[in-house]
Amino acid sequence: LAITEQESRAYQKSPFLIYDFSTYNKYSTEAVPRDT
């Protein structure tokens, strides 16, 4: 995040977005079955 902000200031342009999907949510906490 810091690098995107630094470079956006250097180029005087909007920073590129970083979407963080590595969170705890209904998808990432899906129950893991104990059978096949």
PDB file of all heavy atoms in Angstrom:
ATOM      1  N   LEU A   1       0.831  -1.197   0.000  1.00  0.00           N
ATOM      2  CA  LEU A   1       0.000   0.000   0.000  1.00  0.00           C
ATOM      3  C   LEU A   1       0.868   1.250   0.000  1.00  0.00           C
ATOM      4  O   LEU A   1       0.614   2.204  -0.752  1.00  0.00           O
ATOM      5  CB  LEU A   1      -0.915  -0.006   1.224  1.00  0.00           C
ATOM      6  CG  LEU A   1      -1.759   1.243   1.445  1.00  0.00           C
ATOM      7  CD1 LEU A   1      -2.690   1.498   0.267  1.00  0.00           C
ATOM      8  CD2 LEU A   1      -2.557   1.138   2.750  1.00  0.00           C
ATOM      9  N   ALA A   2       1.920   1.253   0.827  1.00  0.00           N
ATOM     10  CA  ALA A   2       2.806   2.416   0.898  1.00  0.00           C
ATOM     11  C   ALA A   2       3.464   2.689  -0.447  1.00  0.00           C
ATOM     12  O   ALA A   2       3.596   3.851  -0.870  1.00  0.00           O
ATOM     13  CB  ALA A   2       3.874   2.186   1.976  1.00  0.00           C
ATOM     14  N   ILE A   3       3.858   1.633  -1.145  1.00  0.00           N
ATOM     15  CA  ILE A   3       4.509   1.805  -2.450  1.00  0.00           C
ATOM     16  C   ILE A   3       3.544   2.401  -3.468  1.00  0.00           C
ATOM     17  O   ILE A   3       3.907   3.283  -4.248  1.00  0.00           O
ATOM     18  CB  ILE A   3       5.071   0.459  -2.939  1.00  0.00           C
ATOM     19  CG1 ILE A   3       6.258   0.038  -2.077  1.00  0.00           C
ATOM     20  CG2 ILE A   3       5.506   0.542  -4.407  1.00  0.00           C
ATOM     21  CD1 ILE A   3       6.743  -1.370  -2.325  1.00  0.00           C
ATOM     22  N   THR A   4       2.306   1.921  -3.469  1.00  0.00           N
ATOM     23  CA  THR A   4       1.330   2.490  -4.421  1.00  0.00           C
ATOM     24  C   THR A   4       1.112   3.970  -4.137  1.00  0.00           C
ATOM     25  O   THR A   4       0.988   4.780  -5.067  1.00  0.00           O
ATOM     26  CB  THR A   4      -0.022   1.747  -4.357  1.00  0.00           C
ATOM     27  OG1 THR A   4      -0.582   1.871  -3.042  1.00  0.00           O
ATOM     28  CG2 THR A   4       0.136   0.285  -4.703  1.00  0.00           C
ATOM     29  N   GLU A   5       1.097   4.345  -2.860  1.00  0.00           N
ATOM     30  CA  GLU A   5       0.900   5.750  -2.497  1.00  0.00           C
ATOM     31  C   GLU A   5       2.120   6.576  -2.890  1.00  0.00           C
ATOM     32  O   GLU A   5       1.996   7.689  -3.433  1.00  0.00           O
ATOM     33  CB  GLU A   5       0.641   5.869  -0.989  1.00  0.00           C
ATOM     34  CG  GLU A   5      -0.648   5.219  -0.515  1.00  0.00           C
ATOM     35  CD  GLU A   5      -1.876   6.046  -0.874  1.00  0.00           C
ATOM     36  OE1 GLU A   5      -1.722   7.168  -1.386  1.00  0.00           O
ATOM     37  OE2 GLU A   5      -3.001   5.558  -0.652  1.00  0.00           O
ATOM     38  N   GLN A   6       3.315   6.054  -2.638  1.00  0.00           N
ATOM     39  CA  GLN A   6       4.545   6.778  -2.977  1.00  0.00           C
ATOM     40  C   GLN A   6       4.646   7.031  -4.474  1.00  0.00           C
ATOM     41  O   GLN A   6       4.963   8.144  -4.919  1.00  0.00           O
ATOM     42  CB  GLN A   6       5.760   5.974  -2.495  1.00  0.00           C
ATOM     43  CG  GLN A   6       5.917   5.904  -0.992  1.00  0.00           C
ATOM     44  CD  GLN A   6       6.859   4.783  -0.557  1.00  0.00           C
ATOM     45  OE1 GLN A   6       7.543   4.173  -1.384  1.00  0.00           O
ATOM     46  NE2 GLN A   6       6.891   4.520   0.738  1.00  0.00           N
ATOM     47  N   GLU A   7       4.372   6.024  -5.265  1.00  0.00           N
ATOM     48  CA  GLU A   7       4.501   6.163  -6.714  1.00  0.00           C
ATOM     49  C   GLU A   7       3.401   7.047  -7.289  1.00  0.00           C
ATOM     50  O   GLU A   7       3.626   7.779  -8.260  1.00  0.00           O
ATOM     51  CB  GLU A   7       4.489   4.782  -7.383  1.00  0.00           C
ATOM     52  CG  GLU A   7       5.701   3.927  -7.048  1.00  0.00           C
ATOM     53  CD  GLU A   7       7.016   4.606  -7.404  1.00  0.00           C
ATOM     54  OE1 GLU A   7       7.091   5.262  -8.467  1.00  0.00           O
ATOM     55  OE2 GLU A   7       7.963   4.497  -6.601  1.00  0.00           O
ATOM     56  N   SER A   8       2.224   7.006  -6.690  1.00  0.00           N
ATOM     57  CA  SER A   8       1.153   7.883  -7.187  1.00  0.00           C
ATOM     58  C   SER A   8       1.520   9.345  -6.959  1.00  0.00           C
ATOM     59  O   SER A   8       1.231  10.208  -7.813  1.00  0.00           O
ATOM     60  CB  SER A   8      -0.176   7.548  -6.500  1.00  0.00           C
ATOM     61  OG  SER A   8      -0.186   7.974  -5.150  1.00  0.00           O
ATOM     62  N   ARG A   9       2.155   9.637  -5.836  1.00  0.00           N
ATOM     63  CA  ARG A   9       2.594  11.011  -5.580  1.00  0.00           C
ATOM     64  C   ARG A   9       3.717  11.406  -6.535  1.00  0.00           C
ATOM     65  O   ARG A   9       3.741  12.538  -7.054  1.00  0.00           O
ATOM     66  CB  ARG A   9       3.055  11.165  -4.131  1.00  0.00           C
ATOM     67  CG  ARG A   9       1.920  11.100  -3.114  1.00  0.00           C
ATOM     68  CD  ARG A   9       2.379  11.563  -1.747  1.00  0.00           C
ATOM     69  NE  ARG A   9       3.381  10.666  -1.176  1.00  0.00           N
ATOM     70  CZ  ARG A   9       3.099   9.630  -0.403  1.00  0.00           C
ATOM     71  NH1 ARG A   9       1.820   9.357  -0.116  1.00  0.00           N
ATOM     72  NH2 ARG A   9       4.043   8.870   0.094  1.00  0.00           N
ATOM     73  N   ALA A  10       4.638  10.478  -6.785  1.00  0.00           N
ATOM     74  CA  ALA A  10       5.754  10.774  -7.680  1.00  0.00           C
ATOM     75  C   ALA A  10       5.267  11.058  -9.098  1.00  0.00           C
ATOM     76  O   ALA A  10       5.812  11.926  -9.788  1.00  0.00           O
ATOM     77  CB  ALA A  10       6.743   9.606  -7.683  1.00  0.00           C
ATOM     78  N   TYR A  11       4.248  10.345  -9.531  1.00  0.00           N
ATOM     79  CA  TYR A  11       3.716  10.519 -10.892  1.00  0.00           C
ATOM     80  C   TYR A  11       2.538  11.496 -10.935  1.00  0.00           C
ATOM     81  O   TYR A  11       2.025  11.788 -12.009  1.00  0.00           O
ATOM     82  CB  TYR A  11       3.270   9.167 -11.459  1.00  0.00           C
ATOM     83  CG  TYR A  11       4.424   8.321 -11.961  1.00  0.00           C
ATOM     84  CD1 TYR A  11       5.118   7.466 -11.105  1.00  0.00           C
ATOM     85  CD2 TYR A  11       4.822   8.375 -13.300  1.00  0.00           C
ATOM     86  CE1 TYR A  11       6.175   6.684 -11.557  1.00  0.00           C
ATOM     87  CE2 TYR A  11       5.874   7.591 -13.763  1.00  0.00           C
ATOM     88  CZ  TYR A  11       6.546   6.748 -12.888  1.00  0.00           C
ATOM     89  OH  TYR A  11       7.600   5.978 -13.344  1.00  0.00           O
ATOM     90  N   GLN A  12       2.121  11.948  -9.734  1.00  0.00           N
ATOM     91  CA  GLN A  12       0.986  12.869  -9.627  1.00  0.00           C
ATOM     92  C   GLN A  12      -0.265  12.301 -10.317  1.00  0.00           C
ATOM     93  O   GLN A  12      -0.957  12.974 -11.083  1.00  0.00           O
ATOM     94  CB  GLN A  12       1.349  14.243 -10.208  1.00  0.00           C
ATOM     95  CG  GLN A  12       2.484  14.934  -9.467  1.00  0.00           C
ATOM     96  CD  GLN A  12       2.774  16.331  -9.989  1.00  0.00           C
ATOM     97  OE1 GLN A  12       2.467  16.649 -11.135  1.00  0.00           O
ATOM     98  NE2 GLN A  12       3.354  17.179  -9.154  1.00  0.00           N
ATOM     99  N   LYS A  13      -0.517  11.035  -9.999  1.00  0.00           N
ATOM    100  CA  LYS A  13      -1.684  10.354 -10.537  1.00  0.00           C
ATOM    101  C   LYS A  13      -2.370   9.583  -9.413  1.00  0.00           C
ATOM    102  O   LYS A  13      -1.806   9.377  -8.338  1.00  0.00           O
ATOM    103  CB  LYS A  13      -1.277   9.396 -11.663  1.00  0.00           C
ATOM    104  CG  LYS A  13      -0.719  10.101 -12.897  1.00  0.00           C
ATOM    105  CD  LYS A  13      -0.404   9.114 -13.997  1.00  0.00           C
ATOM    106  CE  LYS A  13       0.119   9.823 -15.239  1.00  0.00           C
ATOM    107  NZ  LYS A  13       0.448   8.880 -16.337  1.00  0.00           N
ATOM    108  N   SER A  14      -3.589   9.149  -9.668  1.00  0.00           N
ATOM    109  CA  SER A  14      -4.321   8.385  -8.666  1.00  0.00           C
ATOM    110  C   SER A  14      -3.620   7.048  -8.415  1.00  0.00           C
ATOM    111  O   SER A  14      -3.122   6.419  -9.353  1.00  0.00           O
ATOM    112  CB  SER A  14      -5.753   8.125  -9.137  1.00  0.00           C
ATOM    113  OG  SER A  14      -6.438   9.338  -9.319  1.00  0.00           O
ATOM    114  N   PRO A  15      -3.575   6.600  -7.161  1.00  0.00           N
ATOM    115  CA  PRO A  15      -2.921   5.321  -6.872  1.00  0.00           C
ATOM    116  C   PRO A  15      -3.721   4.148  -7.422  1.00  0.00           C
ATOM    117  O   PRO A  15      -4.949   4.197  -7.498  1.00  0.00           O
ATOM    118  CB  PRO A  15      -2.877   5.281  -5.339  1.00  0.00           C
ATOM    119  CG  PRO A  15      -4.013   6.168  -4.920  1.00  0.00           C
ATOM    120  CD  PRO A  15      -4.104   7.245  -5.953  1.00  0.00           C
ATOM    121  N   PHE A  16      -3.012   3.110  -7.813  1.00  0.00           N
ATOM    122  CA  PHE A  16      -3.677   1.881  -8.240  1.00  0.00           C
ATOM    123  C   PHE A  16      -4.270   1.200  -7.012  1.00  0.00           C
ATOM    124  O   PHE A  16      -3.660   1.176  -5.937  1.00  0.00           O
ATOM    125  CB  PHE A  16      -2.694   0.945  -8.940  1.00  0.00           C
ATOM    126  CG  PHE A  16      -2.161   1.500 -10.233  1.00  0.00           C
ATOM    127  CD1 PHE A  16      -0.793   1.609 -10.458  1.00  0.00           C
ATOM    128  CD2 PHE A  16      -3.021   1.908 -11.236  1.00  0.00           C
ATOM    129  CE1 PHE A  16      -0.300   2.106 -11.643  1.00  0.00           C
ATOM    130  CE2 PHE A  16      -2.546   2.425 -12.435  1.00  0.00           C
ATOM    131  CZ  PHE A  16      -1.180   2.523 -12.642  1.00  0.00           C
ATOM    132  N   LEU A  17      -5.449   0.620  -7.174  1.00  0.00           N
ATOM    133  CA  LEU A  17      -6.148  -0.001  -6.049  1.00  0.00           C
ATOM    134  C   LEU A  17      -5.608  -1.395  -5.758  1.00  0.00           C
ATOM    135  O   LEU A  17      -5.220  -2.134  -6.663  1.00  0.00           O
ATOM    136  CB  LEU A  17      -7.642  -0.080  -6.348  1.00  0.00           C
ATOM    137  CG  LEU A  17      -8.368   1.249  -6.603  1.00  0.00           C
ATOM    138  CD1 LEU A  17      -9.850   0.994  -6.854  1.00  0.00           C
ATOM    139  CD2 LEU A  17      -8.169   2.221  -5.454  1.00  0.00           C
ATOM    140  N   ILE A  18      -5.614  -1.728  -4.473  1.00  0.00           N
ATOM    141  CA  ILE A  18      -5.322  -3.092  -4.032  1.00  0.00           C
ATOM    142  C   ILE A  18      -6.559  -3.601  -3.308  1.00  0.00           C
ATOM    143  O   ILE A  18      -6.916  -3.100  -2.234  1.00  0.00           O
ATOM    144  CB  ILE A  18      -4.109  -3.158  -3.085  1.00  0.00           C
ATOM    145  CG1 ILE A  18      -2.857  -2.579  -3.742  1.00  0.00           C
ATOM    146  CG2 ILE A  18      -3.858  -4.613  -2.661  1.00  0.00           C
ATOM    147  CD1 ILE A  18      -1.653  -2.532  -2.812  1.00  0.00           C
ATOM    148  N   TYR A  19      -7.226  -4.582  -3.894  1.00  0.00           N
ATOM    149  CA  TYR A  19      -8.379  -5.206  -3.253  1.00  0.00           C
ATOM    150  C   TYR A  19      -7.877  -6.369  -2.392  1.00  0.00           C
ATOM    151  O   TYR A  19      -7.197  -7.276  -2.890  1.00  0.00           O
ATOM    152  CB  TYR A  19      -9.362  -5.748  -4.293  1.00  0.00           C
ATOM    153  CG  TYR A  19     -10.100  -4.689  -5.069  1.00  0.00           C
ATOM    154  CD1 TYR A  19      -9.540  -4.101  -6.202  1.00  0.00           C
ATOM    155  CD2 TYR A  19     -11.387  -4.293  -4.675  1.00  0.00           C
ATOM    156  CE1 TYR A  19     -10.234  -3.126  -6.924  1.00  0.00           C
ATOM    157  CE2 TYR A  19     -12.081  -3.322  -5.391  1.00  0.00           C
ATOM    158  CZ  TYR A  19     -11.499  -2.747  -6.513  1.00  0.00           C
ATOM    159  OH  TYR A  19     -12.187  -1.787  -7.217  1.00  0.00           O
ATOM    160  N   ASP A  20      -8.208  -6.327  -1.125  1.00  0.00           N
ATOM    161  CA  ASP A  20      -7.777  -7.396  -0.226  1.00  0.00           C
ATOM    162  C   ASP A  20      -8.939  -8.357   0.021  1.00  0.00           C
ATOM    163  O   ASP A  20      -9.882  -8.055   0.746  1.00  0.00           O
ATOM    164  CB  ASP A  20      -7.287  -6.810   1.098  1.00  0.00           C
ATOM    165  CG  ASP A  20      -6.690  -7.873   2.012  1.00  0.00           C
ATOM    166  OD1 ASP A  20      -6.562  -9.039   1.563  1.00  0.00           O
ATOM    167  OD2 ASP A  20      -6.341  -7.537   3.160  1.00  0.00           O
ATOM    168  N   PHE A  21      -8.827  -9.538  -0.596  1.00  0.00           N
ATOM    169  CA  PHE A  21      -9.839 -10.580  -0.397  1.00  0.00           C
ATOM    170  C   PHE A  21      -9.373 -11.612   0.638  1.00  0.00           C
ATOM    171  O   PHE A  21     -10.067 -12.601   0.863  1.00  0.00           O
ATOM    172  CB  PHE A  21     -10.135 -11.281  -1.727  1.00  0.00           C
ATOM    173  CG  PHE A  21     -10.813 -10.401  -2.747  1.00  0.00           C
ATOM    174  CD1 PHE A  21     -10.088  -9.810  -3.769  1.00  0.00           C
ATOM    175  CD2 PHE A  21     -12.176 -10.153  -2.674  1.00  0.00           C
ATOM    176  CE1 PHE A  21     -10.712  -8.992  -4.708  1.00  0.00           C
ATOM    177  CE2 PHE A  21     -12.815  -9.328  -3.607  1.00  0.00           C
ATOM    178  CZ  PHE A  21     -12.071  -8.745  -4.625  1.00  0.00           C
ATOM    179  N   SER A  22      -8.203 -11.382   1.235  1.00  0.00           N
ATOM    180  CA  SER A  22      -7.651 -12.363   2.184  1.00  0.00           C
ATOM    181  C   SER A  22      -8.125 -12.049   3.595  1.00  0.00           C
ATOM    182  O   SER A  22      -7.338 -11.807   4.509  1.00  0.00           O
ATOM    183  CB  SER A  22      -6.121 -12.349   2.124  1.00  0.00           C
ATOM    184  OG  SER A  22      -5.607 -11.079   2.515  1.00  0.00           O
ATOM    185  N   THR A  23      -9.424 -12.075   3.770  1.00  0.00           N
ATOM    186  CA  THR A  23     -10.038 -11.761   5.056  1.00  0.00           C
ATOM    187  C   THR A  23     -10.847 -12.961   5.540  1.00  0.00           C
ATOM    188  O   THR A  23     -10.969 -13.975   4.840  1.00  0.00           O
ATOM    189  CB  THR A  23     -10.949 -10.534   4.920  1.00  0.00           C
ATOM    190  OG1 THR A  23     -11.973 -10.818   3.949  1.00  0.00           O
ATOM    191  CG2 THR A  23     -10.161  -9.302   4.471  1.00  0.00           C
ATOM    192  N   TYR A  24     -11.418 -12.820   6.726  1.00  0.00           N
ATOM    193  CA  TYR A  24     -12.297 -13.855   7.266  1.00  0.00           C
ATOM    194  C   TYR A  24     -13.726 -13.463   6.930  1.00  0.00           C
ATOM    195  O   TYR A  24     -14.221 -12.417   7.358  1.00  0.00           O
ATOM    196  CB  TYR A  24     -12.096 -13.981   8.779  1.00  0.00           C
ATOM    197  CG  TYR A  24     -10.757 -14.562   9.139  1.00  0.00           C
ATOM    198  CD1 TYR A  24      -9.626 -13.743   9.187  1.00  0.00           C
ATOM    199  CD2 TYR A  24     -10.594 -15.921   9.380  1.00  0.00           C
ATOM    200  CE1 TYR A  24      -8.385 -14.266   9.493  1.00  0.00           C
ATOM    201  CE2 TYR A  24      -9.362 -16.465   9.692  1.00  0.00           C
ATOM    202  CZ  TYR A  24      -8.248 -15.626   9.734  1.00  0.00           C
ATOM    203  OH  TYR A  24      -7.014 -16.147  10.022  1.00  0.00           O
ATOM    204  N   ASN A  25     -14.363 -14.284   6.124  1.00  0.00           N
ATOM    205  CA  ASN A  25     -15.705 -13.982   5.649  1.00  0.00           C
ATOM    206  C   ASN A  25     -16.448 -15.290   5.405  1.00  0.00           C
ATOM    207  O   ASN A  25     -15.896 -16.378   5.653  1.00  0.00           O
ATOM    208  CB  ASN A  25     -15.628 -13.138   4.370  1.00  0.00           C
ATOM    209  CG  ASN A  25     -14.676 -13.747   3.350  1.00  0.00           C
ATOM    210  OD1 ASN A  25     -14.962 -14.790   2.778  1.00  0.00           O
ATOM    211  ND2 ASN A  25     -13.524 -13.103   3.139  1.00  0.00           N
ATOM    212  N   LYS A  26     -17.653 -15.202   4.905  1.00  0.00           N
ATOM    213  CA  LYS A  26     -18.467 -16.409   4.728  1.00  0.00           C
ATOM    214  C   LYS A  26     -17.871 -17.362   3.693  1.00  0.00           C
ATOM    215  O   LYS A  26     -18.177 -18.561   3.689  1.00  0.00           O
ATOM    216  CB  LYS A  26     -19.890 -16.041   4.339  1.00  0.00           C
ATOM    217  CG  LYS A  26     -20.040 -15.402   2.956  1.00  0.00           C
ATOM    218  CD  LYS A  26     -21.502 -15.142   2.639  1.00  0.00           C
ATOM    219  CE  LYS A  26     -21.698 -14.598   1.238  1.00  0.00           C
ATOM    220  NZ  LYS A  26     -23.130 -14.371   0.910  1.00  0.00           N
ATOM    221  N   TYR A  27     -17.023 -16.845   2.810  1.00  0.00           N
ATOM    222  CA  TYR A  27     -16.390 -17.699   1.805  1.00  0.00           C
ATOM    223  C   TYR A  27     -15.153 -18.387   2.380  1.00  0.00           C
ATOM    224  O   TYR A  27     -15.018 -19.617   2.312  1.00  0.00           O
ATOM    225  CB  TYR A  27     -15.997 -16.871   0.576  1.00  0.00           C
ATOM    226  CG  TYR A  27     -17.132 -16.091  -0.029  1.00  0.00           C
ATOM    227  CD1 TYR A  27     -17.135 -14.692   0.005  1.00  0.00           C
ATOM    228  CD2 TYR A  27     -18.213 -16.723  -0.625  1.00  0.00           C
ATOM    229  CE1 TYR A  27     -18.183 -13.958  -0.544  1.00  0.00           C
ATOM    230  CE2 TYR A  27     -19.270 -16.003  -1.175  1.00  0.00           C
ATOM    231  CZ  TYR A  27     -19.242 -14.618  -1.130  1.00  0.00           C
ATOM    232  OH  TYR A  27     -20.282 -13.901  -1.678  1.00  0.00           O
ATOM    233  N   SER A  28     -14.260 -17.607   2.964  1.00  0.00           N
ATOM    234  CA  SER A  28     -12.981 -18.160   3.429  1.00  0.00           C
ATOM    235  C   SER A  28     -13.132 -19.072   4.642  1.00  0.00           C
ATOM    236  O   SER A  28     -12.235 -19.869   4.938  1.00  0.00           O
ATOM    237  CB  SER A  28     -12.003 -17.032   3.761  1.00  0.00           C
ATOM    238  OG  SER A  28     -12.439 -16.277   4.865  1.00  0.00           O
ATOM    239  N   THR A  29     -14.246 -18.962   5.349  1.00  0.00           N
ATOM    240  CA  THR A  29     -14.462 -19.818   6.523  1.00  0.00           C
ATOM    241  C   THR A  29     -15.416 -20.972   6.222  1.00  0.00           C
ATOM    242  O   THR A  29     -15.963 -21.595   7.142  1.00  0.00           O
ATOM    243  CB  THR A  29     -15.021 -18.987   7.697  1.00  0.00           C
ATOM    244  OG1 THR A  29     -16.254 -18.384   7.306  1.00  0.00           O
ATOM    245  CG2 THR A  29     -14.037 -17.902   8.110  1.00  0.00           C
ATOM    246  N   GLU A  30     -15.622 -21.254   4.947  1.00  0.00           N
ATOM    247  CA  GLU A  30     -16.486 -22.389   4.575  1.00  0.00           C
ATOM    248  C   GLU A  30     -16.009 -23.662   5.266  1.00  0.00           C
ATOM    249  O   GLU A  30     -14.806 -23.963   5.311  1.00  0.00           O
ATOM    250  CB  GLU A  30     -16.454 -22.587   3.059  1.00  0.00           C
ATOM    251  CG  GLU A  30     -17.327 -23.741   2.573  1.00  0.00           C
ATOM    252  CD  GLU A  30     -17.244 -23.960   1.071  1.00  0.00           C
ATOM    253  OE1 GLU A  30     -16.368 -23.354   0.421  1.00  0.00           O
ATOM    254  OE2 GLU A  30     -18.060 -24.751   0.549  1.00  0.00           O
ATOM    255  N   ALA A  31     -16.939 -24.414   5.805  1.00  0.00           N
ATOM    256  CA  ALA A  31     -16.599 -25.645   6.519  1.00  0.00           C
ATOM    257  C   ALA A  31     -15.926 -26.642   5.580  1.00  0.00           C
ATOM    258  O   ALA A  31     -16.383 -26.851   4.448  1.00  0.00           O
ATOM    259  CB  ALA A  31     -17.858 -26.260   7.125  1.00  0.00           C
ATOM    260  N   VAL A  32     -14.854 -27.256   6.065  1.00  0.00           N
ATOM    261  CA  VAL A  32     -14.121 -28.256   5.280  1.00  0.00           C
ATOM    262  C   VAL A  32     -14.656 -29.638   5.652  1.00  0.00           C
ATOM    263  O   VAL A  32     -14.571 -30.052   6.811  1.00  0.00           O
ATOM    264  CB  VAL A  32     -12.611 -28.188   5.563  1.00  0.00           C
ATOM    265  CG1 VAL A  32     -11.870 -29.231   4.740  1.00  0.00           C
ATOM    266  CG2 VAL A  32     -12.083 -26.787   5.273  1.00  0.00           C
ATOM    267  N   PRO A  33     -15.225 -30.369   4.699  1.00  0.00           N
ATOM    268  CA  PRO A  33     -15.802 -31.683   5.005  1.00  0.00           C
ATOM    269  C   PRO A  33     -14.732 -32.693   5.401  1.00  0.00           C
ATOM    270  O   PRO A  33     -13.584 -32.626   4.941  1.00  0.00           O
ATOM    271  CB  PRO A  33     -16.494 -32.081   3.704  1.00  0.00           C
ATOM    272  CG  PRO A  33     -15.777 -31.318   2.639  1.00  0.00           C
ATOM    273  CD  PRO A  33     -15.384 -30.023   3.277  1.00  0.00           C
ATOM    274  N   ARG A  34     -15.116 -33.620   6.226  1.00  0.00           N
ATOM    275  CA  ARG A  34     -14.195 -34.667   6.690  1.00  0.00           C
ATOM    276  C   ARG A  34     -14.369 -35.952   5.896  1.00  0.00           C
ATOM    277  O   ARG A  34     -13.870 -37.003   6.293  1.00  0.00           O
ATOM    278  CB  ARG A  34     -14.453 -34.942   8.171  1.00  0.00           C
ATOM    279  CG  ARG A  34     -14.245 -33.724   9.045  1.00  0.00           C
ATOM    280  CD  ARG A  34     -12.794 -33.444   9.317  1.00  0.00           C
ATOM    281  NE  ARG A  34     -12.526 -32.017   9.515  1.00  0.00           N
ATOM    282  CZ  ARG A  34     -11.347 -31.529   9.849  1.00  0.00           C
ATOM    283  NH1 ARG A  34     -10.321 -32.341  10.014  1.00  0.00           N
ATOM    284  NH2 ARG A  34     -11.170 -30.228   9.995  1.00  0.00           N
ATOM    285  N   ASP A  35     -15.033 -35.870   4.769  1.00  0.00           N
ATOM    286  CA  ASP A  35     -15.233 -37.040   3.920  1.00  0.00           C
ATOM    287  C   ASP A  35     -15.158 -36.590   2.467  1.00  0.00           C
ATOM    288  O   ASP A  35     -15.145 -35.400   2.165  1.00  0.00           O
ATOM    289  CB  ASP A  35     -16.594 -37.697   4.197  1.00  0.00           C
ATOM    290  CG  ASP A  35     -17.746 -36.727   3.970  1.00  0.00           C
ATOM    291  OD1 ASP A  35     -18.086 -36.484   2.796  1.00  0.00           O
ATOM    292  OD2 ASP A  35     -18.286 -36.196   4.964  1.00  0.00           O
ATOM    293  N   THR A  36     -15.098 -37.551   1.568  1.00  0.00           N
ATOM    294  CA  THR A  36     -14.959 -37.237   0.139  1.00  0.00           C
ATOM    295  C   THR A  36     -16.301 -37.155  -0.573  1.00  0.00           C
ATOM    296  O   THR A  36     -16.339 -36.964  -1.785  1.00  0.00           O
ATOM    297  CB  THR A  36     -14.088 -38.302  -0.551  1.00  0.00           C
ATOM    298  OG1 THR A  36     -14.717 -39.584  -0.399  1.00  0.00           O
ATOM    299  CG2 THR A  36     -12.690 -38.340   0.036  1.00  0.00           C
TER     300      THR A  36
END
